[in-house]
Amino acid sequence: MQLALSDAKTRLSEVVRSIRATGRPVILTVDGEPAVEIRPARSSERALRRQDLNAFDALLGALPHLWTPAEPFDAVAAVSEGRR
């Protein structure tokens, strides 16, 4: 979305709320030319995107094949044998 700087000045609160709600950046223009882009702040707790969830599901699907031992693991027996 593009918005003239003069419009953004008068509607800044609305623009910020829109960016936060949609996660989409807004490009401010000066004399009709793109000047700056306003993006949502990065958050350590950002919402997961469908793409992220699909990648995570694929990883989880692969894990049983990677971590399934050939035989059951007995921790007590391993410690008794001096292994850690």
N, C-alpha and C. Protein backbone atom coordinates (compact mmCIF):
# COMPACT_ATOMS: atom_id res chain seq x y z
N MET A 1 0.85 -1.17 0.00
CA MET A 1 0.00 0.00 0.00
C MET A 1 0.89 1.24 0.00
N GLN A 2 0.55 2.21 -0.81
CA GLN A 2 1.27 3.47 -0.84
C GLN A 2 0.38 4.59 -0.34
N LEU A 3 1.00 5.54 0.32
CA LEU A 3 0.26 6.64 0.90
C LEU A 3 1.13 7.89 0.83
N ALA A 4 0.53 8.99 0.43
CA ALA A 4 1.27 10.25 0.39
C ALA A 4 1.63 10.68 1.80
N LEU A 5 2.81 11.23 1.96
CA LEU A 5 3.27 11.68 3.27
C LEU A 5 2.28 12.65 3.90
N SER A 6 1.71 13.54 3.12
CA SER A 6 0.75 14.51 3.66
C SER A 6 -0.48 13.80 4.22
N ASP A 7 -0.95 12.73 3.56
CA ASP A 7 -2.08 11.96 4.07
C ASP A 7 -1.69 11.19 5.33
N ALA A 8 -0.48 10.66 5.33
CA ALA A 8 -0.02 9.89 6.49
C ALA A 8 0.06 10.76 7.73
N LYS A 9 0.43 12.03 7.57
CA LYS A 9 0.51 12.94 8.72
C LYS A 9 -0.84 13.08 9.40
N THR A 10 -1.88 13.21 8.61
CA THR A 10 -3.21 13.43 9.20
C THR A 10 -3.85 12.13 9.68
N ARG A 11 -3.38 10.99 9.18
CA ARG A 11 -4.00 9.70 9.53
C ARG A 11 -3.01 8.75 10.19
N LEU A 12 -1.97 9.26 10.84
CA LEU A 12 -0.90 8.40 11.33
C LEU A 12 -1.39 7.31 12.27
N SER A 13 -2.27 7.63 13.21
CA SER A 13 -2.78 6.61 14.14
C SER A 13 -3.47 5.49 13.38
N GLU A 14 -4.28 5.86 12.41
CA GLU A 14 -5.00 4.87 11.61
C GLU A 14 -4.02 4.00 10.80
N VAL A 15 -3.00 4.63 10.24
CA VAL A 15 -2.01 3.91 9.45
C VAL A 15 -1.26 2.91 10.33
N VAL A 16 -0.84 3.34 11.50
CA VAL A 16 -0.12 2.45 12.42
C VAL A 16 -1.00 1.28 12.84
N ARG A 17 -2.25 1.54 13.17
CA ARG A 17 -3.16 0.45 13.55
C ARG A 17 -3.33 -0.55 12.41
N SER A 18 -3.42 -0.04 11.20
CA SER A 18 -3.57 -0.91 10.03
C SER A 18 -2.33 -1.79 9.84
N ILE A 19 -1.16 -1.20 9.97
CA ILE A 19 0.09 -1.96 9.82
C ILE A 19 0.18 -3.04 10.88
N ARG A 20 -0.16 -2.70 12.11
CA ARG A 20 -0.11 -3.68 13.20
C ARG A 20 -1.11 -4.80 12.98
N ALA A 21 -2.30 -4.47 12.49
CA ALA A 21 -3.35 -5.47 12.31
C ALA A 21 -3.06 -6.41 11.15
N THR A 22 -2.54 -5.87 10.05
CA THR A 22 -2.34 -6.68 8.85
C THR A 22 -0.93 -7.24 8.72
N GLY A 23 0.04 -6.57 9.37
CA GLY A 23 1.42 -6.98 9.22
C GLY A 23 2.04 -6.54 7.91
N ARG A 24 1.28 -5.80 7.11
CA ARG A 24 1.76 -5.35 5.80
C ARG A 24 2.38 -3.96 5.91
N PRO A 25 3.50 -3.75 5.25
CA PRO A 25 4.13 -2.43 5.29
C PRO A 25 3.36 -1.41 4.46
N VAL A 26 3.61 -0.15 4.74
CA VAL A 26 3.04 0.96 3.97
C VAL A 26 4.21 1.79 3.45
N ILE A 27 4.16 2.12 2.18
CA ILE A 27 5.20 2.95 1.58
C ILE A 27 4.68 4.39 1.53
N LEU A 28 5.44 5.29 2.13
CA LEU A 28 5.09 6.71 2.09
C LEU A 28 5.76 7.34 0.89
N THR A 29 5.00 8.15 0.17
CA THR A 29 5.54 8.80 -1.02
C THR A 29 5.68 10.30 -0.80
N VAL A 30 6.66 10.87 -1.47
CA VAL A 30 6.87 12.31 -1.48
C VAL A 30 6.91 12.72 -2.95
N ASP A 31 6.04 13.63 -3.31
CA ASP A 31 5.91 14.06 -4.71
C ASP A 31 5.65 12.86 -5.63
N GLY A 32 4.88 11.89 -5.13
CA GLY A 32 4.51 10.74 -5.93
C GLY A 32 5.56 9.65 -6.03
N GLU A 33 6.72 9.86 -5.44
CA GLU A 33 7.80 8.88 -5.50
C GLU A 33 7.94 8.18 -4.15
N PRO A 34 8.16 6.86 -4.13
CA PRO A 34 8.37 6.16 -2.86
C PRO A 34 9.54 6.77 -2.10
N ALA A 35 9.33 7.04 -0.81
CA ALA A 35 10.37 7.67 0.00
C ALA A 35 10.81 6.76 1.15
N VAL A 36 9.85 6.26 1.90
CA VAL A 36 10.17 5.39 3.03
C VAL A 36 9.11 4.29 3.14
N GLU A 37 9.50 3.25 3.85
CA GLU A 37 8.56 2.15 4.09
C GLU A 37 8.41 1.98 5.59
N ILE A 38 7.17 1.93 6.05
CA ILE A 38 6.89 1.69 7.47
C ILE A 38 6.46 0.24 7.60
N ARG A 39 7.17 -0.50 8.42
CA ARG A 39 6.89 -1.93 8.63
C ARG A 39 6.55 -2.17 10.09
N PRO A 40 5.85 -3.29 10.36
CA PRO A 40 5.60 -3.62 11.76
C PRO A 40 6.92 -3.96 12.45
N ALA A 41 7.01 -3.62 13.72
CA ALA A 41 8.21 -3.94 14.49
C ALA A 41 8.33 -5.45 14.61
N ARG A 42 9.55 -5.93 14.60
CA ARG A 42 9.76 -7.37 14.78
C ARG A 42 9.48 -7.73 16.22
N SER A 43 8.84 -8.85 16.38
CA SER A 43 8.49 -9.30 17.72
C SER A 43 9.03 -10.69 17.93
N SER A 44 9.53 -10.96 19.12
CA SER A 44 10.02 -12.30 19.41
C SER A 44 8.86 -13.30 19.47
N GLU A 45 7.66 -12.78 19.60
CA GLU A 45 6.49 -13.65 19.66
C GLU A 45 5.60 -13.41 18.44
N ARG A 46 6.21 -13.36 17.26
CA ARG A 46 5.41 -13.10 16.06
C ARG A 46 4.47 -14.25 15.79
N ALA A 47 3.42 -13.94 15.11
CA ALA A 47 2.45 -14.97 14.75
C ALA A 47 3.07 -15.92 13.73
N LEU A 48 2.79 -17.18 13.89
CA LEU A 48 3.30 -18.16 12.94
C LEU A 48 2.52 -18.10 11.64
N ARG A 49 3.24 -18.13 10.56
CA ARG A 49 2.59 -18.16 9.26
C ARG A 49 2.31 -19.60 8.88
N ARG A 50 1.38 -19.79 7.99
CA ARG A 50 1.03 -21.14 7.51
C ARG A 50 2.27 -21.83 6.97
N GLN A 51 3.12 -21.11 6.27
CA GLN A 51 4.35 -21.68 5.72
C GLN A 51 5.25 -22.21 6.84
N ASP A 52 5.35 -21.46 7.94
CA ASP A 52 6.15 -21.90 9.08
C ASP A 52 5.59 -23.19 9.66
N LEU A 53 4.27 -23.23 9.81
CA LEU A 53 3.63 -24.41 10.39
C LEU A 53 3.81 -25.63 9.49
N ASN A 54 3.69 -25.45 8.19
CA ASN A 54 3.88 -26.57 7.27
C ASN A 54 5.31 -27.10 7.33
N ALA A 55 6.28 -26.20 7.41
CA ALA A 55 7.68 -26.61 7.51
C ALA A 55 7.92 -27.36 8.82
N PHE A 56 7.32 -26.89 9.89
CA PHE A 56 7.47 -27.55 11.19
C PHE A 56 6.84 -28.94 11.16
N ASP A 57 5.65 -29.06 10.56
CA ASP A 57 5.00 -30.37 10.43
C ASP A 57 5.86 -31.34 9.63
N ALA A 58 6.48 -30.85 8.56
CA ALA A 58 7.35 -31.71 7.75
C ALA A 58 8.55 -32.18 8.56
N LEU A 59 9.12 -31.29 9.36
CA LEU A 59 10.25 -31.65 10.21
C LEU A 59 9.84 -32.70 11.23
N LEU A 60 8.71 -32.49 11.87
CA LEU A 60 8.23 -33.47 12.85
C LEU A 60 7.98 -34.83 12.21
N GLY A 61 7.47 -34.82 10.99
CA GLY A 61 7.23 -36.07 10.29
C GLY A 61 8.51 -36.84 10.02
N ALA A 62 9.62 -36.14 9.85
CA ALA A 62 10.90 -36.78 9.57
C ALA A 62 11.60 -37.26 10.83
N LEU A 63 11.30 -36.67 11.97
CA LEU A 63 12.02 -37.00 13.20
C LEU A 63 11.91 -38.45 13.65
N PRO A 64 10.75 -39.09 13.61
CA PRO A 64 10.71 -40.48 14.08
C PRO A 64 11.70 -41.38 13.34
N HIS A 65 11.93 -41.11 12.06
CA HIS A 65 12.87 -41.91 11.30
C HIS A 65 14.30 -41.62 11.72
N LEU A 66 14.56 -40.42 12.14
CA LEU A 66 15.92 -40.05 12.53
C LEU A 66 16.27 -40.51 13.94
N TRP A 67 15.29 -40.54 14.81
CA TRP A 67 15.57 -40.78 16.22
C TRP A 67 15.10 -42.12 16.75
N THR A 68 14.52 -42.95 15.93
CA THR A 68 14.07 -44.25 16.40
C THR A 68 15.28 -45.17 16.52
N PRO A 69 15.62 -45.61 17.73
CA PRO A 69 16.78 -46.49 17.89
C PRO A 69 16.49 -47.88 17.33
N ALA A 70 17.54 -48.57 16.95
CA ALA A 70 17.39 -49.93 16.42
C ALA A 70 16.88 -50.88 17.50
N GLU A 71 17.29 -50.62 18.73
CA GLU A 71 16.82 -51.43 19.86
C GLU A 71 16.48 -50.51 21.01
N PRO A 72 15.64 -50.96 21.93
CA PRO A 72 15.26 -50.09 23.06
C PRO A 72 16.49 -49.68 23.87
N PHE A 73 16.46 -48.46 24.36
CA PHE A 73 17.57 -47.93 25.15
C PHE A 73 17.26 -48.11 26.62
N ASP A 74 18.20 -48.68 27.35
CA ASP A 74 18.05 -48.90 28.79
C ASP A 74 19.09 -48.04 29.50
N ALA A 75 18.66 -46.92 30.08
CA ALA A 75 19.58 -45.98 30.72
C ALA A 75 20.29 -46.61 31.90
N VAL A 76 19.59 -47.43 32.68
CA VAL A 76 20.20 -48.06 33.85
C VAL A 76 21.32 -48.99 33.41
N ALA A 77 21.08 -49.77 32.38
CA ALA A 77 22.11 -50.68 31.88
C ALA A 77 23.30 -49.90 31.33
N ALA A 78 23.04 -48.80 30.66
CA ALA A 78 24.12 -47.99 30.10
C ALA A 78 25.00 -47.42 31.21
N VAL A 79 24.38 -46.93 32.28
CA VAL A 79 25.15 -46.39 33.41
C VAL A 79 25.93 -47.51 34.08
N SER A 80 25.32 -48.67 34.23
CA SER A 80 26.00 -49.81 34.84
C SER A 80 27.23 -50.22 34.03
N GLU A 81 27.16 -50.06 32.73
CA GLU A 81 28.28 -50.42 31.86
C GLU A 81 29.32 -49.30 31.79
N GLY A 82 29.06 -48.18 32.44
CA GLY A 82 30.00 -47.07 32.46
C GLY A 82 29.82 -46.10 31.31
N ARG A 83 28.74 -46.23 30.56
CA ARG A 83 28.47 -45.27 29.49
C ARG A 83 27.64 -44.13 30.04
N ARG A 84 27.68 -43.00 29.38
CA ARG A 84 26.88 -41.86 29.81
C ARG A 84 25.89 -41.49 28.77
